[in-house]
C-alpha atoms as a PDB file:
ATOM      1  CA  MET A   1    -107.137 -11.057  66.592  1.00  0.00           C
ATOM      2  CA  HIS A   2    -104.210  -8.719  66.077  1.00  0.00           C
ATOM      3  CA  LEU A   3    -102.629  -8.056  63.164  1.00  0.00           C
ATOM      4  CA  ALA A   4     -99.208  -9.791  63.321  1.00  0.00           C
ATOM      5  CA  ASP A   5    -101.086 -12.441  63.716  1.00  0.00           C
ATOM      6  CA  ALA A   6    -102.971 -12.833  60.362  1.00  0.00           C
ATOM      7  CA  TRP A   7    -102.208 -15.488  58.459  1.00  0.00           C
ATOM      8  CA  TYR A   8    -102.844 -14.989  54.265  1.00  0.00           C
ATOM      9  CA  CYS A   9    -102.957 -17.911  52.395  1.00  0.00           C
ATOM     10  CA  ALA A  10    -103.017 -17.504  47.844  1.00  0.00           C
ATOM     11  CA  HIS A  11    -104.221 -20.626  46.641  1.00  0.00           C
ATOM     12  CA  GLN A  12    -105.233 -21.419  42.863  1.00  0.00           C
ATOM     13  CA  GLY A  13    -105.864 -17.377  41.969  1.00  0.00           C
ATOM     14  CA  ARG A  14    -108.176 -16.582  45.185  1.00  0.00           C
ATOM     15  CA  GLN A  15    -106.755 -14.672  47.948  1.00  0.00           C
ATOM     16  CA  ILE A  16    -107.003 -15.889  51.732  1.00  0.00           C
ATOM     17  CA  GLY A  17    -107.130 -13.955  54.963  1.00  0.00           C
ATOM     18  CA  PRO A  18    -106.655 -12.088  57.317  1.00  0.00           C
ATOM     19  CA  LEU A  19    -106.899 -15.854  59.011  1.00  0.00           C
ATOM     20  CA  ALA A  20    -105.818 -16.883  62.240  1.00  0.00           C
ATOM     21  CA  LEU A  21    -103.797 -19.108  62.441  1.00  0.00           C
ATOM     22  CA  GLN A  22    -106.111 -21.881  63.950  1.00  0.00           C
ATOM     23  CA  GLN A  23    -108.967 -21.005  60.831  1.00  0.00           C
ATOM     24  CA  MET A  24    -105.965 -20.840  58.270  1.00  0.00           C
ATOM     25  CA  GLN A  25    -105.026 -24.463  59.311  1.00  0.00           C
ATOM     26  CA  GLU A  26    -108.657 -25.672  58.874  1.00  0.00           C
ATOM     27  CA  THR A  27    -108.741 -23.629  55.653  1.00  0.00           C
ATOM     28  CA  MET A  28    -106.194 -25.656  54.420  1.00  0.00           C
ATOM     29  CA  LEU A  29    -107.974 -29.058  55.501  1.00  0.00           C
ATOM     30  CA  HIS A  30    -110.711 -28.705  52.437  1.00  0.00           C
ATOM     31  CA  MET A  31    -107.711 -27.607  49.846  1.00  0.00           C
ATOM     32  CA  SER A  32    -106.589 -30.264  47.066  1.00  0.00           C
ATOM     33  CA  GLU A  33    -103.488 -29.240  47.182  1.00  0.00           C
ATOM     34  CA  PRO A  34    -102.314 -27.536  50.298  1.00  0.00           C
ATOM     35  CA  GLU A  35     -98.687 -27.914  49.476  1.00  0.00           C
ATOM     36  CA  SER A  36     -99.327 -25.082  46.228  1.00  0.00           C
ATOM     37  CA  ALA A  37    -100.927 -22.964  48.760  1.00  0.00           C
ATOM     38  CA  LEU A  38     -98.043 -20.121  49.827  1.00  0.00           C
ATOM     39  CA  VAL A  39     -98.985 -18.565  52.478  1.00  0.00           C
ATOM     40  CA  TRP A  40     -98.057 -14.932  54.322  1.00  0.00           C
ATOM     41  CA  ARG A  41     -98.225 -13.074  57.482  1.00  0.00           C
ATOM     42  CA  ALA A  42     -96.027 -10.234  59.014  1.00  0.00           C
ATOM     43  CA  GLY A  43     -92.700 -11.416  59.844  1.00  0.00           C
ATOM     44  CA  PHE A  44     -91.979 -12.969  56.647  1.00  0.00           C
ATOM     45  CA  SER A  45     -89.837 -10.992  53.607  1.00  0.00           C
ATOM     46  CA  ASN A  46     -92.348 -13.138  51.022  1.00  0.00           C
ATOM     47  CA  TRP A  47     -94.352 -15.206  50.160  1.00  0.00           C
ATOM     48  CA  MET A  48     -93.973 -18.932  51.455  1.00  0.00           C
ATOM     49  CA  LYS A  49     -94.981 -22.407  50.674  1.00  0.00           C
ATOM     50  CA  ALA A  50     -97.289 -23.844  52.683  1.00  0.00           C
ATOM     51  CA  SER A  51     -95.099 -27.227  53.033  1.00  0.00           C
ATOM     52  CA  ASP A  52     -91.786 -25.097  53.991  1.00  0.00           C
ATOM     53  CA  VAL A  53     -93.585 -23.065  56.927  1.00  0.00           C
ATOM     54  CA  ALA A  54     -93.406 -25.319  59.969  1.00  0.00           C
ATOM     55  CA  GLU A  55     -97.468 -24.514  61.598  1.00  0.00           C
ATOM     56  CA  PHE A  56     -98.392 -25.897  57.855  1.00  0.00           C
ATOM     57  CA  SER A  57     -95.787 -28.553  57.393  1.00  0.00           C
ATOM     58  CA  ALA A  58     -97.722 -31.365  58.672  1.00  0.00           C
ATOM     59  CA  LEU A  59    -100.637 -30.552  56.864  1.00  0.00           C
ATOM     60  CA  THR A  60     -99.397 -30.774  53.549  1.00  0.00           C
ATOM     61  CA  LEU A  61     -97.329 -34.088  54.379  1.00  0.00           C
ATOM     62  CA  ARG A  62     -98.739 -36.588  51.803  1.00  0.00           C
ATOM     63  CA  PRO A  63     -97.245 -40.051  51.336  1.00  0.00           C
ATOM     64  CA  PRO A  64     -95.648 -41.150  48.185  1.00  0.00           C
ATOM     65  CA  PRO A  65     -97.582 -43.817  46.387  1.00  0.00           C
ATOM     66  CA  VAL A  66     -97.257 -46.788  46.239  1.00  0.00           C
ATOM     67  CA  PRO A  67     -95.239 -49.052  44.448  1.00  0.00           C
ATOM     68  CA  PRO A  68     -97.355 -50.732  41.449  1.00  0.00           C
ATOM     69  CA  ASP A  69     -95.919 -53.969  42.441  1.00  0.00           C
ATOM     70  CA  GLN A  70     -96.786 -53.989  46.156  1.00  0.00           C
ATOM     71  CA  HIS A  71    -100.172 -53.665  45.468  1.00  0.00           C
ATOM     72  CA  PRO A  72    -102.336 -55.946  48.113  1.00  0.00           C
ATOM     73  CA  THR A  73    -103.997 -58.888  46.274  1.00  0.00           C
ATOM     74  CA  TRP A  74    -106.546 -60.275  47.371  1.00  0.00           C
ATOM     75  CA  ARG A  75    -107.845 -63.801  47.034  1.00  0.00           C
ATOM     76  CA  VAL A  76    -110.067 -65.747  46.864  1.00  0.00           C
ATOM     77  CA  ARG A  77    -110.372 -68.620  49.391  1.00  0.00           C
ATOM     78  CA  TRP A  78    -112.309 -71.723  48.005  1.00  0.00           C
ATOM     79  CA  TRP A  79    -115.027 -71.038  51.506  1.00  0.00           C
ATOM     80  CA  TRP A  80    -115.926 -68.275  50.575  1.00  0.00           C
ATOM     81  CA  TYR A  81    -118.526 -69.432  47.654  1.00  0.00           C
ATOM     82  CA  PRO A  82    -120.780 -71.630  49.570  1.00  0.00           C
ATOM     83  CA  VAL A  83    -121.220 -69.003  51.969  1.00  0.00           C
ATOM     84  CA  PRO A  84    -124.206 -66.777  50.895  1.00  0.00           C
ATOM     85  CA  PHE A  85    -125.929 -69.978  50.239  1.00  0.00           C
ATOM     86  CA  ILE A  86    -125.281 -71.170  53.249  1.00  0.00           C
ATOM     87  CA  THR A  87    -126.589 -67.524  54.497  1.00  0.00           C
ATOM     88  CA  TRP A  88    -129.752 -67.368  52.203  1.00  0.00           C
ATOM     89  CA  GLY A  89    -130.529 -71.489  53.066  1.00  0.00           C
ATOM     90  CA  VAL A  90    -130.256 -70.786  56.635  1.00  0.00           C
ATOM     91  CA  GLY A  91    -131.044 -67.167  57.517  1.00  0.00           C
ATOM     92  CA  SER A  92    -134.534 -67.083  55.811  1.00  0.00           C
ATOM     93  CA  GLN A  93    -138.151 -68.375  55.646  1.00  0.00           C
ATOM     94  CA  ILE A  94    -137.610 -69.777  52.287  1.00  0.00           C
ATOM     95  CA  GLY A  95    -134.284 -71.659  53.099  1.00  0.00           C
ATOM     96  CA  ARG A  96    -136.611 -72.730  55.657  1.00  0.00           C
ATOM     97  CA  LYS A  97    -138.854 -74.182  53.926  1.00  0.00           C
ATOM     98  CA  VAL A  98    -136.424 -75.782  51.672  1.00  0.00           C
ATOM     99  CA  MET A  99    -134.559 -77.780  54.934  1.00  0.00           C
ATOM    100  CA  ALA A 100    -137.963 -78.637  55.800  1.00  0.00           C
ATOM    101  CA  TRP A 101    -138.955 -80.148  52.504  1.00  0.00           C
ATOM    102  CA  ASN A 102    -135.339 -81.168  51.828  1.00  0.00           C
ATOM    103  CA  HIS A 103    -136.020 -83.104  55.026  1.00  0.00           C
ATOM    104  CA  VAL A 104    -139.451 -85.061  53.566  1.00  0.00           C
ATOM    105  CA  GLN A 105    -137.879 -85.741  50.631  1.00  0.00           C
ATOM    106  CA  ARG A 106    -134.760 -87.667  52.369  1.00  0.00           C
ATOM    107  CA  ARG A 107    -138.007 -89.161  54.950  1.00  0.00           C
ATOM    108  CA  LYS A 108    -140.104 -90.192  51.714  1.00  0.00           C
ATOM    109  CA  ALA A 109    -136.988 -91.711  50.145  1.00  0.00           C
ATOM    110  CA  LYS A 110    -135.958 -93.785  52.949  1.00  0.00           C
ATOM    111  CA  ALA A 111    -139.007 -95.619  53.210  1.00  0.00           C
ATOM    112  CA  LEU A 112    -138.989 -95.879  49.815  1.00  0.00           C
ATOM    113  CA  ARG A 113    -135.995 -98.430  50.100  1.00  0.00           C
ATOM    114  CA  ARG A 114    -137.040-100.447  53.219  1.00  0.00           C
END
């Protein structure tokens, strides 16, 4: 790495560098607030915010917060309630035994009615 290609970063009281561009980009991915980091390299007159430097602008983009009135709402459908019970009833040994017992009880009730 040439010194002309070296990047330096100041973030939360720490100075990082010299690093190659790719190393600096990887480092910024792990920062909690990369947009507030200051970066410098040869050719810059002063430290610049990472969000103002073309090489880091894509890493510092954050979407705006979702407006509170546009959060998705979940509605529980009526048919969601029996699904766990059906799954338990059909898919387990206990469920199969209960279904077999129920079948026997129905046959007995039917025989008594005759």
